[in-house]
């Protein structure tokens, strides 16, 4: 028994030494152009997915957002248009570059990310609202996903989640119409500010 324990301990020490040498050697290629080997990729993605689910568990989803995420109640949701418009405004300013949108491609920066940011027009359908909220608020380490908790209140983050729930069933034409309305509103606000300064 003692001999077996000694062999196991010695093996672990050797593996630790090899790991330290490998880390210090610089042999591992951290380039985004060199994808991780399959097993390593699986470890990272599975750890990330399970971490989000674990930490998002217990987050209470506001009723109006919950209604948007349910196909049966989404059309009658109490999430007002101003909340969804606010979420769109944030998404279109900060997220579309990497996550694309209905009828839109990722930017060059988004294409260059590794790991690739999910195309939320498609993959948001697979994520419950509490997971989306947690990821937006906290970000994900070792990816391009920042956490917005330092710059956005929970209500603003829920507005983004509300928009993502709406985007799950949005056509490219719907998105373009929201973008046009958002641009018009921005121009109107700019004109009002300029007019106020003139007086």
Protein backbone atom coordinates (compact mmCIF):
# COMPACT_ATOMS: atom_id res chain seq x y z
CA UNK A 1 0.00 0.00 0.00
CA UNK A 2 2.77 2.44 0.95
CA UNK A 3 4.59 1.57 -2.26
CA UNK A 4 1.47 2.37 -4.34
CA UNK A 5 0.99 5.72 -2.55
CA UNK A 6 4.67 6.52 -3.17
CA UNK A 7 4.35 5.74 -6.90
CA UNK A 8 1.20 7.90 -7.20
CA UNK A 9 2.88 10.79 -5.32
CA UNK A 10 6.02 10.55 -7.46
CA UNK A 11 3.93 10.49 -10.65
CA UNK A 12 2.03 13.61 -9.58
CA UNK A 13 5.28 15.43 -8.76
CA UNK A 14 6.74 14.53 -12.18
CA UNK A 15 3.55 15.68 -13.94
CA UNK A 16 3.63 18.96 -12.02
CA UNK A 17 7.28 19.54 -12.98
CA UNK A 18 6.49 18.80 -16.65
CA UNK A 19 3.51 21.21 -16.53
CA UNK A 20 5.65 24.00 -15.02
CA UNK A 21 8.38 23.48 -17.62
CA UNK A 22 5.75 23.57 -20.40
CA UNK A 23 4.23 26.79 -19.02
CA UNK A 24 7.62 28.52 -18.77
CA UNK A 25 8.80 27.24 -22.16
CA UNK A 26 6.37 29.35 -24.17
CA UNK A 27 5.77 26.41 -26.51
CA UNK A 28 1.98 26.67 -26.27
CA UNK A 29 0.75 28.88 -29.12
CA UNK A 30 -1.63 31.55 -27.76
CA UNK A 31 -2.33 32.95 -31.24
CA UNK A 32 -6.02 33.30 -32.09
CA UNK A 33 -5.10 31.81 -35.49
CA UNK A 34 -4.11 28.55 -33.82
CA UNK A 35 -7.27 26.89 -32.42
CA UNK A 36 -7.03 24.91 -29.19
CA UNK A 37 -6.82 21.14 -29.54
CA UNK A 38 -10.18 19.35 -29.24
CA UNK A 39 -9.85 18.15 -25.63
CA UNK A 40 -8.67 21.57 -24.40
CA UNK A 41 -11.47 23.31 -26.31
CA UNK A 42 -13.99 20.93 -24.73
CA UNK A 43 -12.60 21.62 -21.23
CA UNK A 44 -12.83 25.41 -21.68
CA UNK A 45 -16.31 25.45 -23.25
CA UNK A 46 -17.80 22.89 -20.85
CA UNK A 47 -16.33 24.68 -17.83
CA UNK A 48 -17.69 28.01 -19.11
CA UNK A 49 -21.18 26.67 -19.90
CA UNK A 50 -21.53 24.94 -16.54
CA UNK A 51 -20.15 27.95 -14.67
CA UNK A 52 -22.75 30.27 -16.23
CA UNK A 53 -25.60 27.85 -15.43
CA UNK A 54 -24.36 27.42 -11.84
CA UNK A 55 -23.97 31.14 -11.13
CA UNK A 56 -27.14 32.19 -12.99
CA UNK A 57 -29.21 29.69 -11.04
CA UNK A 58 -31.49 31.55 -8.64
CA UNK A 59 -31.57 34.84 -10.57
CA UNK A 60 -35.16 36.08 -10.58
CA UNK A 61 -36.25 37.03 -14.08
CA UNK A 62 -38.61 40.05 -14.15
CA UNK A 63 -42.13 39.02 -15.16
CA UNK A 64 -42.17 41.21 -18.29
CA UNK A 65 -38.92 39.62 -19.53
CA UNK A 66 -40.14 36.14 -18.59
CA UNK A 67 -43.23 36.72 -20.75
CA UNK A 68 -41.03 37.67 -23.71
CA UNK A 69 -39.07 34.43 -23.40
CA UNK A 70 -42.23 32.29 -23.47
CA UNK A 71 -43.56 31.71 -26.99
CA UNK A 72 -47.15 31.57 -25.67
CA UNK A 73 -46.99 34.95 -23.90
CA UNK A 74 -44.34 36.82 -25.92
CA UNK A 75 -46.89 38.65 -28.08
CA UNK A 76 -48.79 39.89 -25.02
CA UNK A 77 -45.75 40.71 -22.91
CA UNK A 78 -45.90 43.73 -20.62
CA UNK A 79 -42.31 44.60 -21.60
CA UNK A 80 -43.03 47.97 -23.11
CA UNK A 81 -41.55 49.17 -26.35
CA UNK A 82 -39.33 51.70 -24.55
CA UNK A 83 -37.61 48.90 -22.60
CA UNK A 84 -36.99 46.89 -25.77
CA UNK A 85 -35.86 50.05 -27.60
CA UNK A 86 -33.39 50.81 -24.78
CA UNK A 87 -32.06 47.25 -24.99
CA UNK A 88 -31.73 47.58 -28.76
CA UNK A 89 -29.85 50.86 -28.34
CA UNK A 90 -27.28 49.19 -26.06
CA UNK A 91 -27.04 46.07 -28.25
CA UNK A 92 -26.63 48.02 -31.47
CA UNK A 93 -23.95 50.26 -29.93
CA UNK A 94 -21.91 47.68 -28.03
CA UNK A 95 -22.73 44.11 -29.06
CA UNK A 96 -23.55 43.85 -32.77
CA UNK A 97 -19.87 44.23 -33.70
CA UNK A 98 -19.04 40.81 -32.27
CA UNK A 99 -22.44 39.09 -32.05
CA UNK A 100 -24.01 40.24 -35.36
CA UNK A 101 -27.77 40.52 -35.67
CA UNK A 102 -30.63 39.51 -37.97
CA UNK A 103 -29.37 40.13 -41.50
CA UNK A 104 -26.04 41.49 -40.22
CA UNK A 105 -22.54 40.03 -40.26
CA UNK A 106 -19.90 40.35 -37.57
CA UNK A 107 -17.34 43.12 -37.96
CA UNK A 108 -13.70 42.39 -38.80
CA UNK A 109 -12.90 42.62 -35.09
CA UNK A 110 -15.70 40.17 -34.31
CA UNK A 111 -14.46 37.73 -36.93
CA UNK A 112 -10.95 37.91 -35.42
CA UNK A 113 -12.07 36.91 -31.92
CA UNK A 114 -11.08 33.55 -30.47
CA UNK A 115 -13.11 31.90 -29.23
CA UNK A 116 -15.72 33.26 -31.62
CA UNK A 117 -18.54 35.22 -30.02
CA UNK A 118 -21.86 33.44 -30.61
CA UNK A 119 -24.20 34.81 -33.28
CA UNK A 120 -26.97 35.84 -30.89
CA UNK A 121 -29.63 36.07 -33.60
CA UNK A 122 -29.37 32.26 -33.61
CA UNK A 123 -27.82 31.08 -30.36
CA UNK A 124 -29.76 33.34 -27.95
CA UNK A 125 -32.68 30.94 -28.49
CA UNK A 126 -30.74 28.29 -26.59
CA UNK A 127 -30.05 30.44 -23.52
CA UNK A 128 -32.59 31.22 -20.78
CA UNK A 129 -32.91 34.90 -19.80
CA UNK A 130 -31.15 34.45 -16.45
CA UNK A 131 -28.06 33.06 -18.24
CA UNK A 132 -28.06 35.99 -20.67
CA UNK A 133 -28.35 38.44 -17.76
CA UNK A 134 -25.47 36.83 -15.84
CA UNK A 135 -23.14 36.80 -18.87
CA UNK A 136 -23.90 40.42 -19.81
CA UNK A 137 -23.42 41.56 -16.22
CA UNK A 138 -20.30 39.53 -15.38
CA UNK A 139 -18.62 38.80 -18.71
CA UNK A 140 -16.62 35.64 -19.41
CA UNK A 141 -12.90 35.32 -18.67
CA UNK A 142 -10.45 34.59 -21.48
CA UNK A 143 -12.94 35.58 -24.17
CA UNK A 144 -13.78 38.96 -25.69
CA UNK A 145 -16.95 39.20 -23.57
CA UNK A 146 -16.71 42.10 -21.07
CA UNK A 147 -18.80 42.40 -17.94
CA UNK A 148 -21.06 45.48 -17.91
CA UNK A 149 -21.81 45.54 -14.16
CA UNK A 150 -19.42 48.47 -13.65
CA UNK A 151 -21.10 50.65 -16.27
CA UNK A 152 -24.72 49.46 -16.46
CA UNK A 153 -27.43 49.10 -13.84
CA UNK A 154 -29.39 45.85 -13.55
CA UNK A 155 -32.39 47.54 -15.19
CA UNK A 156 -30.31 48.45 -18.24
CA UNK A 157 -28.98 44.90 -18.43
CA UNK A 158 -32.52 43.50 -18.19
CA UNK A 159 -33.46 45.85 -21.06
CA UNK A 160 -30.72 44.21 -23.14
CA UNK A 161 -32.03 40.78 -22.18
CA UNK A 162 -35.57 41.90 -23.13
CA UNK A 163 -34.28 42.96 -26.54
CA UNK A 164 -32.43 39.64 -26.99
CA UNK A 165 -35.64 37.78 -26.17
CA UNK A 166 -37.42 39.89 -28.81
CA UNK A 167 -34.57 39.33 -31.29
CA UNK A 168 -35.06 35.55 -31.09
CA UNK A 169 -38.01 35.93 -33.48
CA UNK A 170 -36.87 39.03 -35.34
CA UNK A 171 -36.41 39.22 -39.11
CA UNK A 172 -33.68 41.27 -40.81
CA UNK A 173 -36.42 43.72 -41.82
CA UNK A 174 -37.54 44.08 -38.18
CA UNK A 175 -33.98 44.81 -37.06
CA UNK A 176 -33.43 47.32 -39.87
CA UNK A 177 -36.68 49.10 -38.90
CA UNK A 178 -35.53 49.38 -35.26
CA UNK A 179 -32.16 50.69 -36.43
CA UNK A 180 -33.88 53.31 -38.60
CA UNK A 181 -36.17 54.35 -35.72
CA UNK A 182 -33.19 54.52 -33.37
CA UNK A 183 -31.24 56.73 -35.82
CA UNK A 184 -34.24 59.03 -36.23
CA UNK A 185 -34.65 59.32 -32.46
CA UNK A 186 -30.93 60.04 -32.07
CA UNK A 187 -31.09 62.78 -34.71
CA UNK A 188 -34.14 64.30 -33.02
CA UNK A 189 -32.40 64.33 -29.62
CA UNK A 190 -29.31 65.91 -31.19
CA UNK A 191 -31.41 68.63 -32.82
CA UNK A 192 -33.15 69.33 -29.50
CA UNK A 193 -29.80 69.66 -27.71
CA UNK A 194 -28.46 72.01 -30.38
CA UNK A 195 -31.63 74.08 -30.25
CA UNK A 196 -31.40 74.28 -26.45
CA UNK A 197 -27.75 75.49 -26.63
CA UNK A 198 -28.68 78.15 -29.18
CA UNK A 199 -31.20 79.60 -26.72
